[in-house]
Amino acid sequence: MKRHKLPFPDDESTYYTWKDLNVACNFNVYKRIFRVVSCDEFTRKFYENEGCPLNASESLPGDNFGHTRAMINYK
């Protein structure tokens, strides 16, 4: 994916802005669902200065592929 404006899935004449993104939030990009689980301190301060506090960070989900691969290599 290149850096460009991302259209909303329901209305391609409107685009995502920074106000549409939040931590612990899903967003749809070309029929793929992405989830923001964390952000850096600079981003958190930017949102606070703009009056849009962010949700608490989440932990990353477990990697089932890595676990399965390790079990195959173990055998």
N, C-alpha and C. Protein backbone atom coordinates (compact mmCIF):
# COMPACT_ATOMS: atom_id res chain seq x y z
N MET A 1 0.85 -1.16 0.00
CA MET A 1 0.00 0.00 0.00
C MET A 1 0.90 1.23 0.00
N LYS A 2 0.54 2.18 -0.81
CA LYS A 2 1.26 3.45 -0.85
C LYS A 2 0.57 4.46 0.05
N ARG A 3 1.28 5.50 0.37
CA ARG A 3 0.72 6.57 1.18
C ARG A 3 -0.26 7.37 0.32
N HIS A 4 -1.51 7.37 0.72
CA HIS A 4 -2.54 8.09 0.00
C HIS A 4 -3.77 8.23 0.88
N LYS A 5 -4.77 8.94 0.41
CA LYS A 5 -6.02 9.07 1.14
C LYS A 5 -6.76 7.75 1.09
N LEU A 6 -7.25 7.30 2.24
CA LEU A 6 -8.00 6.05 2.31
C LEU A 6 -9.49 6.35 2.35
N PRO A 7 -10.24 5.88 1.37
CA PRO A 7 -11.69 6.15 1.35
C PRO A 7 -12.43 5.26 2.34
N PHE A 8 -13.54 5.76 2.84
CA PHE A 8 -14.42 4.95 3.68
C PHE A 8 -15.03 3.85 2.82
N PRO A 9 -15.24 2.67 3.38
CA PRO A 9 -15.80 1.58 2.57
C PRO A 9 -17.23 1.85 2.11
N ASP A 10 -18.02 2.56 2.90
CA ASP A 10 -19.42 2.82 2.55
C ASP A 10 -19.59 3.99 1.59
N ASP A 11 -18.70 4.96 1.68
CA ASP A 11 -18.81 6.18 0.86
C ASP A 11 -17.42 6.56 0.38
N GLU A 12 -17.10 6.22 -0.85
CA GLU A 12 -15.75 6.45 -1.36
C GLU A 12 -15.46 7.91 -1.69
N SER A 13 -16.45 8.79 -1.48
CA SER A 13 -16.19 10.21 -1.70
C SER A 13 -15.67 10.88 -0.43
N THR A 14 -15.69 10.17 0.71
CA THR A 14 -15.12 10.69 1.96
C THR A 14 -13.93 9.82 2.35
N TYR A 15 -13.01 10.41 3.07
CA TYR A 15 -11.76 9.74 3.41
C TYR A 15 -11.55 9.71 4.92
N TYR A 16 -10.77 8.71 5.37
CA TYR A 16 -10.38 8.65 6.77
C TYR A 16 -9.52 9.86 7.12
N THR A 17 -9.68 10.36 8.32
CA THR A 17 -8.80 11.40 8.85
C THR A 17 -8.25 10.89 10.18
N TRP A 18 -7.37 11.66 10.78
CA TRP A 18 -6.79 11.24 12.05
C TRP A 18 -7.85 11.14 13.13
N LYS A 19 -8.96 11.85 12.97
CA LYS A 19 -10.03 11.81 13.97
C LYS A 19 -10.80 10.49 13.94
N ASP A 20 -10.70 9.76 12.84
CA ASP A 20 -11.42 8.50 12.71
C ASP A 20 -10.66 7.32 13.31
N LEU A 21 -9.39 7.51 13.65
CA LEU A 21 -8.57 6.44 14.18
C LEU A 21 -8.42 6.58 15.68
N ASN A 22 -8.40 5.45 16.35
CA ASN A 22 -8.22 5.42 17.79
C ASN A 22 -7.61 4.08 18.16
N VAL A 23 -6.98 4.02 19.32
CA VAL A 23 -6.42 2.77 19.81
C VAL A 23 -7.58 1.85 20.20
N ALA A 24 -7.39 0.55 20.01
CA ALA A 24 -8.42 -0.48 20.28
C ALA A 24 -9.62 -0.27 19.37
N CYS A 25 -9.35 0.06 18.12
CA CYS A 25 -10.41 0.36 17.15
C CYS A 25 -10.10 -0.34 15.83
N ASN A 26 -11.12 -0.91 15.21
CA ASN A 26 -10.98 -1.52 13.89
C ASN A 26 -11.28 -0.49 12.81
N PHE A 27 -10.60 -0.60 11.69
CA PHE A 27 -10.97 0.20 10.52
C PHE A 27 -10.76 -0.63 9.26
N ASN A 28 -11.60 -0.36 8.29
CA ASN A 28 -11.67 -1.13 7.06
C ASN A 28 -10.88 -0.43 5.96
N VAL A 29 -9.92 -1.13 5.38
CA VAL A 29 -9.14 -0.60 4.27
C VAL A 29 -9.24 -1.59 3.12
N TYR A 30 -10.00 -1.22 2.10
CA TYR A 30 -10.19 -2.07 0.93
C TYR A 30 -10.60 -3.49 1.31
N LYS A 31 -11.60 -3.59 2.15
CA LYS A 31 -12.22 -4.84 2.60
C LYS A 31 -11.31 -5.69 3.48
N ARG A 32 -10.27 -5.10 4.04
CA ARG A 32 -9.44 -5.77 5.03
C ARG A 32 -9.56 -5.00 6.33
N ILE A 33 -9.73 -5.73 7.41
CA ILE A 33 -9.92 -5.10 8.72
C ILE A 33 -8.57 -5.00 9.43
N PHE A 34 -8.24 -3.80 9.83
CA PHE A 34 -7.02 -3.53 10.61
C PHE A 34 -7.44 -3.07 12.00
N ARG A 35 -6.63 -3.38 12.99
CA ARG A 35 -6.89 -2.95 14.36
C ARG A 35 -5.67 -2.23 14.90
N VAL A 36 -5.88 -1.04 15.42
CA VAL A 36 -4.81 -0.28 16.05
C VAL A 36 -4.75 -0.74 17.50
N VAL A 37 -3.62 -1.29 17.92
CA VAL A 37 -3.51 -1.81 19.29
C VAL A 37 -2.68 -0.90 20.19
N SER A 38 -1.88 -0.02 19.61
CA SER A 38 -1.04 0.85 20.43
C SER A 38 -0.55 2.02 19.57
N CYS A 39 0.08 2.98 20.23
CA CYS A 39 0.70 4.10 19.51
C CYS A 39 1.86 4.62 20.35
N ASP A 40 2.68 5.46 19.73
CA ASP A 40 3.82 6.01 20.46
C ASP A 40 3.38 7.23 21.28
N GLU A 41 4.29 7.70 22.11
CA GLU A 41 3.98 8.81 23.02
C GLU A 41 3.71 10.11 22.26
N PHE A 42 4.41 10.35 21.15
CA PHE A 42 4.18 11.54 20.35
C PHE A 42 2.74 11.59 19.84
N THR A 43 2.25 10.47 19.32
CA THR A 43 0.88 10.40 18.81
C THR A 43 -0.12 10.61 19.93
N ARG A 44 0.13 9.99 21.08
CA ARG A 44 -0.77 10.14 22.22
C ARG A 44 -0.85 11.61 22.66
N LYS A 45 0.28 12.30 22.70
CA LYS A 45 0.29 13.71 23.08
C LYS A 45 -0.41 14.59 22.03
N PHE A 46 -0.23 14.26 20.75
CA PHE A 46 -0.90 15.00 19.68
C PHE A 46 -2.41 14.93 19.85
N TYR A 47 -2.93 13.73 20.06
CA TYR A 47 -4.38 13.57 20.23
C TYR A 47 -4.87 14.31 21.48
N GLU A 48 -4.11 14.26 22.55
CA GLU A 48 -4.51 14.98 23.77
C GLU A 48 -4.54 16.48 23.53
N ASN A 49 -3.56 17.02 22.82
CA ASN A 49 -3.52 18.45 22.51
C ASN A 49 -4.69 18.87 21.63
N GLU A 50 -5.18 17.96 20.81
CA GLU A 50 -6.31 18.25 19.93
C GLU A 50 -7.66 18.00 20.61
N GLY A 51 -7.63 17.53 21.85
CA GLY A 51 -8.87 17.30 22.59
C GLY A 51 -9.54 15.97 22.29
N CYS A 52 -8.79 15.01 21.75
CA CYS A 52 -9.31 13.67 21.44
C CYS A 52 -8.47 12.63 22.17
N PRO A 53 -8.78 12.34 23.42
CA PRO A 53 -7.97 11.35 24.14
C PRO A 53 -8.11 9.96 23.51
N LEU A 54 -7.03 9.21 23.54
CA LEU A 54 -7.01 7.87 22.96
C LEU A 54 -7.37 6.82 24.01
N ASN A 55 -7.87 5.69 23.53
CA ASN A 55 -8.16 4.56 24.42
C ASN A 55 -6.86 3.95 24.92
N ALA A 56 -6.97 3.09 25.92
CA ALA A 56 -5.79 2.41 26.46
C ALA A 56 -5.24 1.42 25.44
N SER A 57 -3.93 1.20 25.49
CA SER A 57 -3.29 0.26 24.57
C SER A 57 -3.71 -1.16 24.90
N GLU A 58 -3.67 -2.01 23.88
CA GLU A 58 -3.96 -3.44 24.02
C GLU A 58 -2.68 -4.22 23.79
N SER A 59 -2.66 -5.45 24.26
CA SER A 59 -1.52 -6.32 23.95
C SER A 59 -1.73 -6.94 22.57
N LEU A 60 -0.64 -7.32 21.95
CA LEU A 60 -0.74 -7.94 20.64
C LEU A 60 -1.37 -9.33 20.77
N PRO A 61 -2.15 -9.75 19.78
CA PRO A 61 -2.71 -11.10 19.84
C PRO A 61 -1.61 -12.13 19.67
N GLY A 62 -1.87 -13.34 20.13
CA GLY A 62 -0.89 -14.41 20.02
C GLY A 62 -0.65 -14.80 18.57
N ASP A 63 0.52 -15.33 18.30
CA ASP A 63 0.89 -15.76 16.94
C ASP A 63 0.71 -17.27 16.84
N ASN A 64 -0.44 -17.70 16.33
CA ASN A 64 -0.72 -19.13 16.21
C ASN A 64 0.21 -19.81 15.22
N PHE A 65 0.59 -19.12 14.14
CA PHE A 65 1.48 -19.72 13.15
C PHE A 65 2.84 -20.03 13.77
N GLY A 66 3.37 -19.10 14.54
CA GLY A 66 4.67 -19.32 15.17
C GLY A 66 4.64 -20.50 16.12
N HIS A 67 3.57 -20.63 16.87
CA HIS A 67 3.44 -21.76 17.80
C HIS A 67 3.34 -23.08 17.03
N THR A 68 2.53 -23.12 15.98
CA THR A 68 2.38 -24.34 15.18
C THR A 68 3.70 -24.71 14.53
N ARG A 69 4.42 -23.73 14.00
CA ARG A 69 5.70 -23.98 13.36
C ARG A 69 6.71 -24.53 14.35
N ALA A 70 6.70 -23.98 15.55
CA ALA A 70 7.63 -24.47 16.59
C ALA A 70 7.32 -25.93 16.94
N MET A 71 6.06 -26.30 17.00
CA MET A 71 5.68 -27.67 17.33
C MET A 71 6.10 -28.63 16.20
N ILE A 72 5.98 -28.20 14.95
CA ILE A 72 6.40 -29.05 13.82
C ILE A 72 7.91 -29.26 13.87
N ASN A 73 8.66 -28.19 14.13
CA ASN A 73 10.11 -28.30 14.20
C ASN A 73 10.56 -29.11 15.41
N TYR A 74 9.78 -29.09 16.47
CA TYR A 74 10.11 -29.84 17.68
C TYR A 74 10.05 -31.34 17.42
N LYS A 75 9.05 -31.75 16.63
CA LYS A 75 8.87 -33.19 16.35
C LYS A 75 9.99 -33.65 15.45
